[in-house]
Amino acid sequence: RWTQFAVIGLGLWLAASPGVYDVVSADTARASVVAVTLERGLPSIEWRANALALSDMLSGIVLMIFGAMSLSKRTAWFGQWATAFIGIWLLFAPLFFWSPSAAQYLTNLLVGTLAIAFSVLVPMMPGMSMEGMMDKKSIPPGWTYSPSTDAQRFPIVAMGIIGLLISRMLTSYQLGHIDVAWEPFFSGSLADPKNGTEEIITSDVSKA
């Protein structure tokens, strides 16, 4: 049950977050963010920052409501899944609004990830038994071992985290939050300073 109280806390944090950091404007935004805005023909920096701030406040309030609903056995099923869907929206909202603020992007990423984890991963999906999932003696038909042990889960979790960090770095470059995308294999040249990764994720195909 502590996970549902954590979701309520995350909602409160998210709803209050626009008042914690400065909303980015054209005067305070990074030069790379301004360049991306002009290059892509995006709405103004102020409009996108304010739209995401409004999304954060509304999503935070909704998270608190769904977190409270998850505490009741009658509404837990709906509350947990609704919380998970809000978490998914938070992962995509900075991309939908082309967030000009790295702080907003990071806040949405962290709160969205934790909301999903605390709604359906840590307490298990509604209707599933923790004891049944973690029983090492439960071997599915045709298997010689249980695929649910920690040793089986860890490599997948590790690869997922690595993939998330790489995608976050690439997205930060595309949004203009950082000036360089790390590339260990295909470096740039004096004639064309962009490395291989930067060439690909700023290409016409990528923009299309």
N, C-alpha and C. Protein backbone atom coordinates (compact mmCIF):
# COMPACT_ATOMS: atom_id res chain seq x y z
N ARG A 1 0.82 -1.22 0.00
CA ARG A 1 0.00 0.00 0.00
C ARG A 1 0.85 1.26 0.00
N TRP A 2 2.10 1.15 0.44
CA TRP A 2 2.94 2.35 0.46
C TRP A 2 3.13 2.92 -0.94
N THR A 3 3.04 2.06 -1.96
CA THR A 3 3.25 2.55 -3.32
C THR A 3 2.16 3.55 -3.71
N GLN A 4 0.95 3.34 -3.24
CA GLN A 4 -0.14 4.25 -3.61
C GLN A 4 0.04 5.61 -2.92
N PHE A 5 0.54 5.58 -1.69
CA PHE A 5 0.86 6.86 -1.03
C PHE A 5 2.01 7.56 -1.75
N ALA A 6 2.95 6.77 -2.29
CA ALA A 6 4.05 7.34 -3.07
C ALA A 6 3.52 8.00 -4.33
N VAL A 7 2.52 7.39 -4.97
CA VAL A 7 1.91 7.98 -6.17
C VAL A 7 1.26 9.32 -5.83
N ILE A 8 0.56 9.37 -4.69
CA ILE A 8 -0.05 10.64 -4.26
C ILE A 8 1.03 11.70 -4.05
N GLY A 9 2.16 11.30 -3.45
CA GLY A 9 3.26 12.23 -3.26
C GLY A 9 3.85 12.70 -4.58
N LEU A 10 3.98 11.79 -5.53
CA LEU A 10 4.48 12.16 -6.86
C LEU A 10 3.54 13.15 -7.54
N GLY A 11 2.24 12.92 -7.38
CA GLY A 11 1.27 13.83 -7.97
C GLY A 11 1.39 15.23 -7.38
N LEU A 12 1.57 15.30 -6.07
CA LEU A 12 1.72 16.59 -5.40
C LEU A 12 2.99 17.29 -5.88
N TRP A 13 4.07 16.52 -5.98
CA TRP A 13 5.35 17.07 -6.46
C TRP A 13 5.20 17.61 -7.89
N LEU A 14 4.54 16.82 -8.75
CA LEU A 14 4.40 17.22 -10.15
C LEU A 14 3.51 18.45 -10.29
N ALA A 15 2.41 18.49 -9.54
CA ALA A 15 1.50 19.64 -9.63
C ALA A 15 2.19 20.92 -9.18
N ALA A 16 3.11 20.80 -8.21
CA ALA A 16 3.79 21.99 -7.70
C ALA A 16 5.04 22.34 -8.49
N SER A 17 5.49 21.44 -9.36
CA SER A 17 6.78 21.64 -10.03
C SER A 17 6.85 22.89 -10.90
N PRO A 18 5.78 23.30 -11.62
CA PRO A 18 5.90 24.53 -12.42
C PRO A 18 6.22 25.77 -11.59
N GLY A 19 5.88 25.74 -10.29
CA GLY A 19 6.21 26.87 -9.44
C GLY A 19 7.61 26.82 -8.87
N VAL A 20 8.31 25.70 -9.11
CA VAL A 20 9.66 25.53 -8.56
C VAL A 20 10.73 26.02 -9.53
N TYR A 21 10.56 25.66 -10.81
CA TYR A 21 11.55 26.09 -11.80
C TYR A 21 10.98 27.21 -12.66
N ASP A 22 11.88 28.02 -13.23
CA ASP A 22 11.45 29.11 -14.09
C ASP A 22 10.96 28.57 -15.42
N VAL A 23 9.81 29.06 -15.89
CA VAL A 23 9.32 28.67 -17.20
C VAL A 23 10.19 29.33 -18.26
N VAL A 24 10.71 28.53 -19.18
CA VAL A 24 11.65 29.02 -20.18
C VAL A 24 10.95 29.96 -21.15
N SER A 25 11.64 31.02 -21.54
CA SER A 25 11.14 31.94 -22.56
C SER A 25 12.17 32.07 -23.66
N ALA A 26 11.83 32.81 -24.70
CA ALA A 26 12.76 32.99 -25.82
C ALA A 26 14.03 33.71 -25.37
N ASP A 27 13.92 34.53 -24.33
CA ASP A 27 15.08 35.29 -23.85
C ASP A 27 16.02 34.44 -23.00
N THR A 28 15.47 33.42 -22.32
CA THR A 28 16.29 32.63 -21.40
C THR A 28 16.63 31.25 -21.95
N ALA A 29 16.04 30.86 -23.08
CA ALA A 29 16.28 29.53 -23.63
C ALA A 29 17.68 29.43 -24.22
N ARG A 30 18.18 28.20 -24.26
CA ARG A 30 19.48 27.94 -24.89
C ARG A 30 19.40 28.27 -26.38
N ALA A 31 20.55 28.66 -26.94
CA ALA A 31 20.59 28.99 -28.37
C ALA A 31 20.19 27.78 -29.22
N SER A 32 20.55 26.57 -28.76
CA SER A 32 20.21 25.37 -29.52
C SER A 32 18.70 25.12 -29.50
N VAL A 33 18.02 25.47 -28.41
CA VAL A 33 16.57 25.33 -28.34
C VAL A 33 15.90 26.30 -29.32
N VAL A 34 16.41 27.52 -29.38
CA VAL A 34 15.89 28.51 -30.32
C VAL A 34 16.11 28.03 -31.75
N ALA A 35 17.28 27.45 -32.01
CA ALA A 35 17.59 26.96 -33.35
C ALA A 35 16.65 25.83 -33.75
N VAL A 36 16.39 24.91 -32.83
CA VAL A 36 15.46 23.81 -33.11
C VAL A 36 14.06 24.35 -33.39
N THR A 37 13.64 25.36 -32.61
CA THR A 37 12.31 25.95 -32.79
C THR A 37 12.16 26.53 -34.19
N LEU A 38 13.18 27.26 -34.65
CA LEU A 38 13.12 27.88 -35.98
C LEU A 38 13.24 26.83 -37.07
N GLU A 39 14.14 25.87 -36.88
CA GLU A 39 14.38 24.86 -37.90
C GLU A 39 13.16 23.98 -38.14
N ARG A 40 12.46 23.65 -37.06
CA ARG A 40 11.32 22.74 -37.17
C ARG A 40 9.99 23.47 -37.34
N GLY A 41 10.02 24.79 -37.27
CA GLY A 41 8.77 25.55 -37.39
C GLY A 41 7.81 25.27 -36.25
N LEU A 42 8.33 25.16 -35.03
CA LEU A 42 7.52 24.82 -33.86
C LEU A 42 6.80 26.04 -33.31
N PRO A 43 5.75 25.83 -32.51
CA PRO A 43 5.13 26.96 -31.81
C PRO A 43 6.16 27.66 -30.91
N SER A 44 5.82 28.82 -30.43
CA SER A 44 6.78 29.61 -29.65
C SER A 44 7.24 28.86 -28.41
N ILE A 45 8.43 29.22 -27.95
CA ILE A 45 9.01 28.58 -26.77
C ILE A 45 8.12 28.79 -25.55
N GLU A 46 7.59 30.00 -25.40
CA GLU A 46 6.73 30.29 -24.25
C GLU A 46 5.47 29.44 -24.28
N TRP A 47 4.86 29.30 -25.46
CA TRP A 47 3.62 28.51 -25.56
C TRP A 47 3.88 27.06 -25.18
N ARG A 48 4.97 26.48 -25.70
CA ARG A 48 5.26 25.08 -25.40
C ARG A 48 5.58 24.87 -23.94
N ALA A 49 6.35 25.79 -23.35
CA ALA A 49 6.71 25.66 -21.93
C ALA A 49 5.47 25.78 -21.04
N ASN A 50 4.59 26.72 -21.36
CA ASN A 50 3.38 26.91 -20.55
C ASN A 50 2.41 25.76 -20.74
N ALA A 51 2.32 25.23 -21.97
CA ALA A 51 1.43 24.10 -22.21
C ALA A 51 1.88 22.88 -21.42
N LEU A 52 3.20 22.65 -21.38
CA LEU A 52 3.71 21.51 -20.62
C LEU A 52 3.54 21.74 -19.12
N ALA A 53 3.70 22.98 -18.67
CA ALA A 53 3.49 23.30 -17.25
C ALA A 53 2.04 23.04 -16.86
N LEU A 54 1.08 23.42 -17.73
CA LEU A 54 -0.33 23.14 -17.46
C LEU A 54 -0.59 21.65 -17.44
N SER A 55 0.03 20.92 -18.38
CA SER A 55 -0.11 19.46 -18.40
C SER A 55 0.42 18.85 -17.11
N ASP A 56 1.54 19.37 -16.60
CA ASP A 56 2.11 18.85 -15.36
C ASP A 56 1.18 19.07 -14.18
N MET A 57 0.59 20.26 -14.09
CA MET A 57 -0.30 20.55 -12.97
C MET A 57 -1.53 19.65 -13.01
N LEU A 58 -2.14 19.52 -14.20
CA LEU A 58 -3.34 18.68 -14.32
C LEU A 58 -3.00 17.21 -14.09
N SER A 59 -1.86 16.76 -14.64
CA SER A 59 -1.46 15.36 -14.46
C SER A 59 -1.17 15.07 -13.00
N GLY A 60 -0.57 16.03 -12.30
CA GLY A 60 -0.28 15.85 -10.88
C GLY A 60 -1.56 15.70 -10.05
N ILE A 61 -2.55 16.54 -10.35
CA ILE A 61 -3.83 16.46 -9.63
C ILE A 61 -4.49 15.11 -9.89
N VAL A 62 -4.48 14.68 -11.16
CA VAL A 62 -5.10 13.40 -11.53
C VAL A 62 -4.36 12.25 -10.87
N LEU A 63 -3.02 12.32 -10.79
CA LEU A 63 -2.26 11.27 -10.12
C LEU A 63 -2.66 11.14 -8.66
N MET A 64 -2.86 12.26 -7.98
CA MET A 64 -3.28 12.21 -6.58
C MET A 64 -4.65 11.55 -6.45
N ILE A 65 -5.56 11.86 -7.37
CA ILE A 65 -6.90 11.27 -7.32
C ILE A 65 -6.84 9.77 -7.55
N PHE A 66 -6.09 9.35 -8.60
CA PHE A 66 -6.00 7.93 -8.91
C PHE A 66 -5.23 7.17 -7.83
N GLY A 67 -4.22 7.82 -7.25
CA GLY A 67 -3.50 7.19 -6.15
C GLY A 67 -4.41 6.93 -4.96
N ALA A 68 -5.30 7.89 -4.67
CA ALA A 68 -6.25 7.71 -3.58
C ALA A 68 -7.26 6.61 -3.92
N MET A 69 -7.69 6.56 -5.19
CA MET A 69 -8.63 5.51 -5.60
C MET A 69 -8.01 4.12 -5.47
N SER A 70 -6.70 4.03 -5.68
CA SER A 70 -6.02 2.74 -5.60
C SER A 70 -5.97 2.18 -4.19
N LEU A 71 -6.23 3.02 -3.19
CA LEU A 71 -6.22 2.57 -1.81
C LEU A 71 -7.47 1.78 -1.45
N SER A 72 -8.52 1.95 -2.25
CA SER A 72 -9.77 1.24 -2.00
C SER A 72 -9.83 -0.02 -2.85
N LYS A 73 -10.26 -1.12 -2.25
CA LYS A 73 -10.34 -2.38 -2.99
C LYS A 73 -11.35 -2.30 -4.13
N ARG A 74 -12.41 -1.50 -3.95
CA ARG A 74 -13.44 -1.41 -4.99
C ARG A 74 -12.93 -0.69 -6.24
N THR A 75 -12.05 0.30 -6.06
CA THR A 75 -11.60 1.10 -7.20
C THR A 75 -10.12 0.92 -7.50
N ALA A 76 -9.47 -0.05 -6.82
CA ALA A 76 -8.03 -0.23 -7.00
C ALA A 76 -7.68 -0.59 -8.44
N TRP A 77 -8.47 -1.46 -9.05
CA TRP A 77 -8.16 -1.91 -10.42
C TRP A 77 -8.11 -0.72 -11.36
N PHE A 78 -9.14 0.13 -11.32
CA PHE A 78 -9.17 1.30 -12.20
C PHE A 78 -8.07 2.29 -11.84
N GLY A 79 -7.91 2.54 -10.53
CA GLY A 79 -6.92 3.53 -10.09
C GLY A 79 -5.51 3.17 -10.50
N GLN A 80 -5.14 1.90 -10.36
CA GLN A 80 -3.78 1.49 -10.70
C GLN A 80 -3.52 1.61 -12.20
N TRP A 81 -4.44 1.12 -13.03
CA TRP A 81 -4.23 1.20 -14.48
C TRP A 81 -4.28 2.65 -14.97
N ALA A 82 -5.17 3.45 -14.40
CA ALA A 82 -5.24 4.86 -14.79
C ALA A 82 -3.94 5.58 -14.43
N THR A 83 -3.38 5.26 -13.27
CA THR A 83 -2.09 5.84 -12.88
C THR A 83 -1.00 5.46 -13.88
N ALA A 84 -0.99 4.21 -14.31
CA ALA A 84 0.00 3.76 -15.27
C ALA A 84 -0.12 4.52 -16.59
N PHE A 85 -1.35 4.77 -17.03
CA PHE A 85 -1.55 5.49 -18.30
C PHE A 85 -1.12 6.95 -18.16
N ILE A 86 -1.35 7.56 -16.99
CA ILE A 86 -0.86 8.92 -16.77
C ILE A 86 0.67 8.92 -16.81
N GLY A 87 1.29 7.88 -16.24
CA GLY A 87 2.74 7.77 -16.30
C GLY A 87 3.25 7.69 -17.73
N ILE A 88 2.54 6.94 -18.57
CA ILE A 88 2.93 6.86 -19.99
C ILE A 88 2.79 8.22 -20.67
N TRP A 89 1.71 8.94 -20.36
CA TRP A 89 1.54 10.28 -20.93
C TRP A 89 2.70 11.20 -20.51
N LEU A 90 3.13 11.10 -19.25
CA LEU A 90 4.21 11.96 -18.78
C LEU A 90 5.53 11.67 -19.52
N LEU A 91 5.73 10.41 -19.94
CA LEU A 91 6.93 10.09 -20.70
C LEU A 91 6.89 10.71 -22.09
N PHE A 92 5.69 10.85 -22.65
CA PHE A 92 5.56 11.35 -24.02
C PHE A 92 5.24 12.85 -24.09
N ALA A 93 4.74 13.44 -23.00
CA ALA A 93 4.34 14.85 -23.02
C ALA A 93 5.48 15.79 -23.43
N PRO A 94 6.71 15.63 -22.89
CA PRO A 94 7.79 16.54 -23.32
C PRO A 94 8.10 16.40 -24.81
N LEU A 95 7.87 15.23 -25.38
CA LEU A 95 8.11 15.04 -26.80
C LEU A 95 6.97 15.66 -27.61
N PHE A 96 5.74 15.50 -27.12
CA PHE A 96 4.57 16.05 -27.80
C PHE A 96 4.66 17.57 -27.88
N PHE A 97 5.09 18.20 -26.78
CA PHE A 97 5.19 19.66 -26.73
C PHE A 97 6.58 20.17 -27.10
N TRP A 98 7.49 19.30 -27.48
CA TRP A 98 8.88 19.69 -27.78
C TRP A 98 9.42 20.58 -26.65
N SER A 99 9.46 20.00 -25.46
CA SER A 99 9.82 20.75 -24.26
C SER A 99 11.09 21.57 -24.44
N PRO A 100 11.00 22.90 -24.26
CA PRO A 100 12.21 23.73 -24.34
C PRO A 100 13.02 23.74 -23.05
N SER A 101 12.50 23.06 -22.02
CA SER A 101 13.14 23.07 -20.70
C SER A 101 13.63 21.69 -20.33
N ALA A 102 14.92 21.59 -20.04
CA ALA A 102 15.48 20.31 -19.60
C ALA A 102 14.92 19.91 -18.24
N ALA A 103 14.61 20.90 -17.39
CA ALA A 103 14.04 20.61 -16.07
C ALA A 103 12.67 19.97 -16.20
N GLN A 104 11.84 20.52 -17.10
CA GLN A 104 10.52 19.93 -17.31
C GLN A 104 10.63 18.52 -17.89
N TYR A 105 11.55 18.34 -18.83
CA TYR A 105 11.74 17.03 -19.45
C TYR A 105 12.16 15.99 -18.41
N LEU A 106 13.12 16.34 -17.56
CA LEU A 106 13.61 15.43 -16.54
C LEU A 106 12.52 15.12 -15.51
N THR A 107 11.77 16.15 -15.09
CA THR A 107 10.71 15.95 -14.11
C THR A 107 9.66 14.98 -14.64
N ASN A 108 9.24 15.17 -15.89
CA ASN A 108 8.25 14.28 -16.48
C ASN A 108 8.79 12.86 -16.62
N LEU A 109 10.05 12.73 -16.99
CA LEU A 109 10.65 11.40 -17.15
C LEU A 109 10.68 10.65 -15.82
N LEU A 110 11.13 11.31 -14.76
CA LEU A 110 11.25 10.66 -13.46
C LEU A 110 9.88 10.33 -12.87
N VAL A 111 8.98 11.31 -12.87
CA VAL A 111 7.66 11.08 -12.28
C VAL A 111 6.89 10.04 -13.08
N GLY A 112 6.96 10.10 -14.41
CA GLY A 112 6.26 9.13 -15.24
C GLY A 112 6.76 7.71 -15.01
N THR A 113 8.09 7.55 -14.95
CA THR A 113 8.68 6.24 -14.72
C THR A 113 8.28 5.68 -13.35
N LEU A 114 8.36 6.51 -12.32
CA LEU A 114 8.02 6.06 -10.97
C LEU A 114 6.52 5.80 -10.83
N ALA A 115 5.69 6.58 -11.53
CA ALA A 115 4.24 6.35 -11.46
C ALA A 115 3.89 4.98 -12.03
N ILE A 116 4.52 4.62 -13.15
CA ILE A 116 4.28 3.30 -13.73
C ILE A 116 4.77 2.21 -12.78
N ALA A 117 5.97 2.41 -12.23
CA ALA A 117 6.55 1.41 -11.33
C ALA A 117 5.69 1.22 -10.09
N PHE A 118 5.21 2.33 -9.49
CA PHE A 118 4.46 2.25 -8.24
C PHE A 118 3.00 1.86 -8.43
N SER A 119 2.53 1.84 -9.67
CA SER A 119 1.12 1.51 -9.89
C SER A 119 0.92 0.04 -10.28
N VAL A 120 1.76 -0.48 -11.18
CA VAL A 120 1.51 -1.84 -11.66
C VAL A 120 2.73 -2.76 -11.62
N LEU A 121 3.91 -2.23 -11.31
CA LEU A 121 5.10 -3.09 -11.29
C LEU A 121 5.44 -3.56 -9.88
N VAL A 122 5.62 -2.62 -8.96
CA VAL A 122 5.97 -2.99 -7.58
C VAL A 122 4.82 -3.72 -6.88
N PRO A 123 3.58 -3.16 -6.90
CA PRO A 123 2.49 -3.86 -6.21
C PRO A 123 1.86 -4.97 -7.05
N MET A 124 2.41 -5.24 -8.22
CA MET A 124 1.88 -6.22 -9.18
C MET A 124 0.62 -5.67 -9.85
N MET A 125 0.38 -6.14 -11.07
CA MET A 125 -0.82 -5.74 -11.80
C MET A 125 -2.06 -6.27 -11.09
N PRO A 126 -3.15 -5.51 -11.13
CA PRO A 126 -4.38 -5.98 -10.46
C PRO A 126 -4.79 -7.37 -10.93
N GLY A 127 -5.08 -8.25 -9.98
CA GLY A 127 -5.49 -9.61 -10.31
C GLY A 127 -4.36 -10.61 -10.30
N MET A 128 -3.11 -10.13 -10.20
CA MET A 128 -1.96 -11.05 -10.18
C MET A 128 -1.49 -11.25 -8.75
N SER A 129 -0.95 -12.43 -8.48
CA SER A 129 -0.50 -12.78 -7.14
C SER A 129 1.02 -12.65 -7.05
N MET A 130 1.49 -11.88 -6.08
CA MET A 130 2.93 -11.75 -5.84
C MET A 130 3.53 -13.10 -5.50
N GLU A 131 2.84 -13.87 -4.68
CA GLU A 131 3.36 -15.18 -4.27
C GLU A 131 3.50 -16.10 -5.47
N GLY A 132 2.51 -16.08 -6.35
CA GLY A 132 2.57 -16.94 -7.52
C GLY A 132 3.67 -16.54 -8.49
N MET A 133 3.88 -15.24 -8.64
CA MET A 133 4.91 -14.77 -9.57
C MET A 133 6.31 -15.06 -9.07
N MET A 134 6.51 -15.00 -7.76
CA MET A 134 7.84 -15.14 -7.19
C MET A 134 8.15 -16.56 -6.74
N ASP A 135 7.22 -17.50 -6.90
CA ASP A 135 7.45 -18.88 -6.48
C ASP A 135 8.41 -19.56 -7.46
N LYS A 136 9.63 -19.85 -6.99
CA LYS A 136 10.64 -20.44 -7.87
C LYS A 136 10.30 -21.87 -8.27
N LYS A 137 9.35 -22.49 -7.56
CA LYS A 137 8.95 -23.85 -7.91
C LYS A 137 7.93 -23.87 -9.04
N SER A 138 7.42 -22.69 -9.41
CA SER A 138 6.44 -22.62 -10.49
C SER A 138 7.17 -22.63 -11.84
N ILE A 139 7.21 -23.78 -12.47
CA ILE A 139 7.87 -23.92 -13.76
C ILE A 139 6.81 -24.14 -14.84
N PRO A 140 6.74 -23.27 -15.83
CA PRO A 140 5.71 -23.41 -16.87
C PRO A 140 5.91 -24.71 -17.66
N PRO A 141 4.84 -25.22 -18.27
CA PRO A 141 4.96 -26.43 -19.08
C PRO A 141 5.96 -26.23 -20.23
N GLY A 142 6.85 -27.21 -20.40
CA GLY A 142 7.85 -27.12 -21.45
C GLY A 142 9.14 -26.44 -21.05
N TRP A 143 9.19 -25.88 -19.83
CA TRP A 143 10.38 -25.22 -19.33
C TRP A 143 11.08 -26.13 -18.32
N THR A 144 12.38 -25.94 -18.18
CA THR A 144 13.13 -26.67 -17.17
C THR A 144 13.49 -25.80 -15.97
N TYR A 145 13.12 -24.51 -16.02
CA TYR A 145 13.39 -23.58 -14.92
C TYR A 145 12.31 -22.50 -14.93
N SER A 146 12.26 -21.75 -13.85
CA SER A 146 11.29 -20.67 -13.75
C SER A 146 11.85 -19.41 -14.43
N PRO A 147 11.12 -18.82 -15.37
CA PRO A 147 11.62 -17.60 -16.04
C PRO A 147 11.40 -16.33 -15.22
N SER A 148 10.87 -16.45 -14.01
CA SER A 148 10.54 -15.28 -13.19
C SER A 148 11.54 -15.03 -12.07
N THR A 149 12.64 -15.77 -12.04
CA THR A 149 13.62 -15.57 -10.96
C THR A 149 14.39 -14.27 -11.19
N ASP A 150 15.04 -13.79 -10.12
CA ASP A 150 15.82 -12.56 -10.22
C ASP A 150 16.92 -12.67 -11.27
N ALA A 151 17.55 -13.83 -11.37
CA ALA A 151 18.64 -14.01 -12.33
C ALA A 151 18.14 -13.87 -13.77
N GLN A 152 16.88 -14.25 -14.01
CA GLN A 152 16.31 -14.12 -15.35
C GLN A 152 15.85 -12.70 -15.63
N ARG A 153 15.42 -12.01 -14.61
CA ARG A 153 14.88 -10.66 -14.79
C ARG A 153 15.98 -9.60 -14.91
N PHE A 154 17.08 -9.78 -14.16
CA PHE A 154 18.08 -8.72 -14.06
C PHE A 154 18.65 -8.28 -15.41
N PRO A 155 19.07 -9.20 -16.30
CA PRO A 155 19.63 -8.74 -17.58
C PRO A 155 18.63 -7.91 -18.39
N ILE A 156 17.36 -8.28 -18.35
CA ILE A 156 16.35 -7.54 -19.11
C ILE A 156 16.16 -6.15 -18.51
N VAL A 157 16.11 -6.08 -17.18
CA VAL A 157 15.96 -4.78 -16.52
C VAL A 157 17.17 -3.89 -16.81
N ALA A 158 18.38 -4.47 -16.74
CA ALA A 158 19.60 -3.70 -17.00
C ALA A 158 19.62 -3.16 -18.43
N MET A 159 19.26 -4.00 -19.39
CA MET A 159 19.23 -3.56 -20.79
C MET A 159 18.17 -2.48 -20.99
N GLY A 160 17.04 -2.61 -20.31
CA GLY A 160 15.99 -1.59 -20.42
C GLY A 160 16.45 -0.25 -19.89
N ILE A 161 17.16 -0.25 -18.75
CA ILE A 161 17.65 1.00 -18.17
C ILE A 161 18.69 1.64 -19.08
N ILE A 162 19.60 0.82 -19.62
CA ILE A 162 20.61 1.36 -20.54
C ILE A 162 19.94 1.97 -21.77
N GLY A 163 18.95 1.27 -22.32
CA GLY A 163 18.23 1.80 -23.47
C GLY A 163 17.52 3.11 -23.16
N LEU A 164 16.93 3.21 -21.96
CA LEU A 164 16.25 4.43 -21.55
C LEU A 164 17.24 5.60 -21.46
N LEU A 165 18.42 5.36 -20.89
CA LEU A 165 19.40 6.43 -20.75
C LEU A 165 19.92 6.88 -22.11
N ILE A 166 20.15 5.94 -23.02
CA ILE A 166 20.62 6.30 -24.36
C ILE A 166 19.56 7.11 -25.10
N SER A 167 18.31 6.65 -25.04
CA SER A 167 17.24 7.36 -25.73
C SER A 167 17.03 8.74 -25.13
N ARG A 168 17.20 8.86 -23.81
CA ARG A 168 17.06 10.17 -23.18
C ARG A 168 18.14 11.13 -23.67
N MET A 169 19.38 10.64 -23.83
CA MET A 169 20.46 11.48 -24.33
C MET A 169 20.19 11.93 -25.76
N LEU A 170 19.73 11.00 -26.61
CA LEU A 170 19.45 11.34 -28.00
C LEU A 170 18.30 12.35 -28.10
N THR A 171 17.26 12.15 -27.28
CA THR A 171 16.13 13.07 -27.28
C THR A 171 16.54 14.45 -26.79
N SER A 172 17.39 14.51 -25.76
CA SER A 172 17.86 15.79 -25.24
C SER A 172 18.59 16.57 -26.32
N TYR A 173 19.35 15.85 -27.15
CA TYR A 173 20.06 16.52 -28.26
C TYR A 173 19.06 17.05 -29.29
N GLN A 174 18.06 16.24 -29.63
CA GLN A 174 17.08 16.68 -30.61
C GLN A 174 16.24 17.85 -30.12
N LEU A 175 15.98 17.90 -28.81
CA LEU A 175 15.20 19.00 -28.25
C LEU A 175 16.05 20.26 -28.06
N GLY A 176 17.36 20.13 -28.16
CA GLY A 176 18.25 21.28 -28.00
C GLY A 176 18.73 21.50 -26.59
N HIS A 177 18.54 20.51 -25.70
CA HIS A 177 18.96 20.67 -24.30
C HIS A 177 20.47 20.49 -24.14
N ILE A 178 21.10 19.73 -25.02
CA ILE A 178 22.54 19.53 -24.99
C ILE A 178 23.08 19.82 -26.39
N ASP A 179 24.36 20.16 -26.46
CA ASP A 179 24.95 20.55 -27.74
C ASP A 179 25.61 19.40 -28.48
N VAL A 180 25.91 18.31 -27.76
CA VAL A 180 26.64 17.19 -28.38
C VAL A 180 25.98 15.88 -27.97
N ALA A 181 25.79 14.99 -28.94
CA ALA A 181 25.32 13.63 -28.66
C ALA A 181 26.53 12.71 -28.62
N TRP A 182 26.70 12.00 -27.52
CA TRP A 182 27.87 11.13 -27.36
C TRP A 182 27.89 10.05 -28.43
N GLU A 183 29.04 9.88 -29.07
CA GLU A 183 29.19 8.90 -30.15
C GLU A 183 30.59 8.29 -30.06
N PRO A 184 30.72 7.02 -29.64
CA PRO A 184 32.04 6.41 -29.43
C PRO A 184 32.68 5.84 -30.70
N PHE A 185 31.94 5.76 -31.81
CA PHE A 185 32.46 5.04 -32.98
C PHE A 185 32.68 5.93 -34.20
N PHE A 186 31.76 6.84 -34.49
CA PHE A 186 31.84 7.62 -35.73
C PHE A 186 31.94 9.10 -35.37
N SER A 187 33.15 9.59 -35.27
CA SER A 187 33.37 10.99 -34.90
C SER A 187 33.23 11.90 -36.11
N GLY A 188 33.11 13.21 -35.85
CA GLY A 188 33.00 14.18 -36.92
C GLY A 188 34.35 14.56 -37.49
N SER A 189 34.35 15.53 -38.37
CA SER A 189 35.59 16.01 -39.01
C SER A 189 35.61 17.53 -38.97
N LEU A 190 36.71 18.10 -39.42
CA LEU A 190 36.81 19.56 -39.45
C LEU A 190 35.79 20.14 -40.43
N ALA A 191 35.61 19.45 -41.56
CA ALA A 191 34.66 19.94 -42.56
C ALA A 191 33.21 19.79 -42.08
N ASP A 192 32.93 18.71 -41.35
CA ASP A 192 31.59 18.45 -40.84
C ASP A 192 31.72 17.97 -39.39
N PRO A 193 31.59 18.89 -38.42
CA PRO A 193 31.84 18.52 -37.02
C PRO A 193 30.81 17.57 -36.42
N LYS A 194 29.67 17.37 -37.06
CA LYS A 194 28.67 16.46 -36.51
C LYS A 194 29.16 15.02 -36.59
N ASN A 195 28.98 14.27 -35.49
CA ASN A 195 29.36 12.86 -35.53
C ASN A 195 28.25 12.04 -36.19
N GLY A 196 28.46 10.73 -36.28
CA GLY A 196 27.52 9.88 -36.99
C GLY A 196 26.12 9.90 -36.42
N THR A 197 26.02 9.85 -35.09
CA THR A 197 24.71 9.87 -34.44
C THR A 197 23.99 11.18 -34.71
N GLU A 198 24.71 12.30 -34.59
CA GLU A 198 24.10 13.61 -34.81
C GLU A 198 23.62 13.76 -36.25
N GLU A 199 24.38 13.22 -37.21
CA GLU A 199 23.98 13.27 -38.62
C GLU A 199 22.66 12.53 -38.83
N ILE A 200 22.54 11.38 -38.19
CA ILE A 200 21.36 10.55 -38.41
C ILE A 200 20.11 11.17 -37.78
N ILE A 201 20.23 11.63 -36.52
CA ILE A 201 19.02 12.10 -35.83
C ILE A 201 18.66 13.54 -36.19
N THR A 202 19.44 14.16 -37.06
CA THR A 202 19.05 15.49 -37.60
C THR A 202 18.87 15.42 -39.11
N SER A 203 18.86 14.23 -39.68
CA SER A 203 18.73 14.06 -41.12
C SER A 203 17.29 14.36 -41.58
N ASP A 204 17.12 14.50 -42.90
CA ASP A 204 15.78 14.72 -43.45
C ASP A 204 14.85 13.55 -43.15
N VAL A 205 15.41 12.33 -43.16
CA VAL A 205 14.60 11.15 -42.86
C VAL A 205 14.10 11.22 -41.41
N SER A 206 15.01 11.59 -40.49
CA SER A 206 14.61 11.70 -39.09
C SER A 206 13.55 12.79 -38.91
N LYS A 207 13.72 13.90 -39.57
CA LYS A 207 12.75 14.99 -39.43
C LYS A 207 11.39 14.60 -40.01
N ALA A 208 11.43 13.83 -41.10
CA ALA A 208 10.18 13.39 -41.70
C ALA A 208 9.40 12.44 -40.77
